[in-house]
Amino acid sequence: MRKRTDKVGLRIFIHAFRSHRSMVELLAVCITANSVLLNLFLELGEVNKYVVF
């Protein structure tokens, strides 16, 4: 399961790398995606904390 998600992530990354002309754009996209995902996980973590305990 873990390897499958890594492969999908790599595929998306390669696709983004090919479709984006500059590394700066790609970097910006990655940073934006990471911060969005981080916020999402933090929010889910908060929700899970209340649900589990």
N, C-alpha and C. Protein backbone atom coordinates (compact mmCIF):
# COMPACT_ATOMS: atom_id res chain seq x y z
N MET A 1 0.84 -1.21 0.00
CA MET A 1 0.00 0.00 0.00
C MET A 1 0.88 1.26 0.00
N ARG A 2 1.88 1.24 0.87
CA ARG A 2 2.79 2.39 0.98
C ARG A 2 3.53 2.62 -0.33
N LYS A 3 4.04 1.53 -0.92
CA LYS A 3 4.80 1.66 -2.16
C LYS A 3 3.92 2.19 -3.29
N ARG A 4 2.67 1.77 -3.29
CA ARG A 4 1.74 2.22 -4.34
C ARG A 4 1.55 3.73 -4.26
N THR A 5 1.34 4.26 -3.05
CA THR A 5 1.14 5.71 -2.89
C THR A 5 2.40 6.46 -3.28
N ASP A 6 3.58 5.90 -2.94
CA ASP A 6 4.84 6.54 -3.32
C ASP A 6 4.96 6.61 -4.83
N LYS A 7 4.57 5.51 -5.51
CA LYS A 7 4.63 5.49 -6.97
C LYS A 7 3.69 6.52 -7.58
N VAL A 8 2.48 6.62 -7.04
CA VAL A 8 1.51 7.59 -7.53
C VAL A 8 2.05 9.00 -7.32
N GLY A 9 2.60 9.25 -6.13
CA GLY A 9 3.16 10.56 -5.82
C GLY A 9 4.30 10.90 -6.77
N LEU A 10 5.15 9.91 -7.03
CA LEU A 10 6.27 10.11 -7.96
C LEU A 10 5.76 10.41 -9.36
N ARG A 11 4.73 9.69 -9.77
CA ARG A 11 4.14 9.90 -11.10
C ARG A 11 3.57 11.31 -11.23
N ILE A 12 2.86 11.75 -10.19
CA ILE A 12 2.30 13.11 -10.18
C ILE A 12 3.43 14.13 -10.23
N PHE A 13 4.49 13.87 -9.45
CA PHE A 13 5.63 14.78 -9.41
C PHE A 13 6.29 14.89 -10.77
N ILE A 14 6.48 13.74 -11.44
CA ILE A 14 7.10 13.72 -12.77
C ILE A 14 6.22 14.47 -13.77
N HIS A 15 4.92 14.23 -13.68
CA HIS A 15 3.97 14.92 -14.57
C HIS A 15 4.04 16.43 -14.36
N ALA A 16 4.07 16.85 -13.09
CA ALA A 16 4.16 18.28 -12.77
C ALA A 16 5.49 18.83 -13.27
N PHE A 17 6.55 18.03 -13.12
CA PHE A 17 7.89 18.45 -13.55
C PHE A 17 7.91 18.69 -15.05
N ARG A 18 7.25 17.81 -15.80
CA ARG A 18 7.23 17.93 -17.26
C ARG A 18 6.33 19.08 -17.71
N SER A 19 5.21 19.26 -17.01
CA SER A 19 4.26 20.28 -17.45
C SER A 19 4.68 21.69 -17.04
N HIS A 20 5.45 21.80 -15.96
CA HIS A 20 5.91 23.12 -15.52
C HIS A 20 7.25 23.45 -16.16
N ARG A 21 7.35 24.65 -16.67
CA ARG A 21 8.56 25.05 -17.40
C ARG A 21 9.70 25.35 -16.45
N SER A 22 9.42 26.07 -15.38
CA SER A 22 10.52 26.49 -14.50
C SER A 22 10.50 25.74 -13.18
N MET A 23 11.68 25.56 -12.63
CA MET A 23 11.81 24.89 -11.33
C MET A 23 11.19 25.73 -10.23
N VAL A 24 11.22 27.03 -10.39
CA VAL A 24 10.65 27.93 -9.38
C VAL A 24 9.15 27.69 -9.27
N GLU A 25 8.49 27.56 -10.43
CA GLU A 25 7.05 27.27 -10.43
C GLU A 25 6.78 25.94 -9.74
N LEU A 26 7.57 24.94 -10.11
CA LEU A 26 7.40 23.60 -9.53
C LEU A 26 7.59 23.64 -8.01
N LEU A 27 8.63 24.37 -7.59
CA LEU A 27 8.92 24.51 -6.17
C LEU A 27 7.75 25.17 -5.45
N ALA A 28 7.22 26.23 -6.07
CA ALA A 28 6.08 26.94 -5.48
C ALA A 28 4.88 26.02 -5.36
N VAL A 29 4.63 25.23 -6.40
CA VAL A 29 3.51 24.28 -6.37
C VAL A 29 3.70 23.26 -5.26
N CYS A 30 4.93 22.73 -5.14
CA CYS A 30 5.22 21.73 -4.10
C CYS A 30 5.03 22.31 -2.71
N ILE A 31 5.55 23.53 -2.51
CA ILE A 31 5.43 24.18 -1.20
C ILE A 31 3.96 24.43 -0.85
N THR A 32 3.21 24.91 -1.85
CA THR A 32 1.78 25.17 -1.64
C THR A 32 1.05 23.88 -1.29
N ALA A 33 1.31 22.83 -2.08
CA ALA A 33 0.66 21.54 -1.85
C ALA A 33 1.01 21.00 -0.47
N ASN A 34 2.30 21.12 -0.09
CA ASN A 34 2.73 20.63 1.21
C ASN A 34 2.06 21.36 2.36
N SER A 35 1.96 22.68 2.26
CA SER A 35 1.34 23.45 3.34
C SER A 35 -0.15 23.14 3.43
N VAL A 36 -0.78 22.97 2.27
CA VAL A 36 -2.21 22.61 2.26
C VAL A 36 -2.41 21.25 2.91
N LEU A 37 -1.58 20.27 2.51
CA LEU A 37 -1.67 18.92 3.08
C LEU A 37 -1.38 18.93 4.57
N LEU A 38 -0.36 19.70 4.96
CA LEU A 38 0.01 19.80 6.38
C LEU A 38 -1.15 20.34 7.20
N ASN A 39 -1.78 21.42 6.70
CA ASN A 39 -2.93 22.00 7.39
C ASN A 39 -4.07 21.01 7.48
N LEU A 40 -4.29 20.27 6.39
CA LEU A 40 -5.35 19.27 6.36
C LEU A 40 -5.10 18.19 7.41
N PHE A 41 -3.84 17.69 7.45
CA PHE A 41 -3.50 16.65 8.41
C PHE A 41 -3.61 17.15 9.85
N LEU A 42 -3.20 18.40 10.07
CA LEU A 42 -3.31 18.97 11.41
C LEU A 42 -4.78 19.07 11.83
N GLU A 43 -5.63 19.50 10.90
CA GLU A 43 -7.06 19.59 11.19
C GLU A 43 -7.65 18.22 11.48
N LEU A 44 -7.26 17.23 10.65
CA LEU A 44 -7.74 15.87 10.85
C LEU A 44 -7.24 15.32 12.18
N GLY A 45 -6.00 15.67 12.52
CA GLY A 45 -5.42 15.26 13.80
C GLY A 45 -6.21 15.81 14.97
N GLU A 46 -6.61 17.08 14.86
CA GLU A 46 -7.41 17.72 15.91
C GLU A 46 -8.75 17.00 16.05
N VAL A 47 -9.38 16.71 14.91
CA VAL A 47 -10.67 16.03 14.93
C VAL A 47 -10.51 14.64 15.53
N ASN A 48 -9.47 13.91 15.09
CA ASN A 48 -9.24 12.56 15.59
C ASN A 48 -8.97 12.54 17.09
N LYS A 49 -8.29 13.58 17.57
CA LYS A 49 -7.99 13.68 19.00
C LYS A 49 -9.28 13.69 19.81
N TYR A 50 -10.26 14.46 19.32
CA TYR A 50 -11.53 14.56 20.03
C TYR A 50 -12.35 13.28 19.89
N VAL A 51 -12.24 12.65 18.71
CA VAL A 51 -13.03 11.44 18.47
C VAL A 51 -12.48 10.27 19.28
N VAL A 52 -11.14 10.10 19.23
CA VAL A 52 -10.52 8.94 19.88
C VAL A 52 -10.59 9.04 21.39
N PHE A 53 -10.23 10.21 21.94
CA PHE A 53 -10.18 10.32 23.41
C PHE A 53 -11.47 10.88 23.98
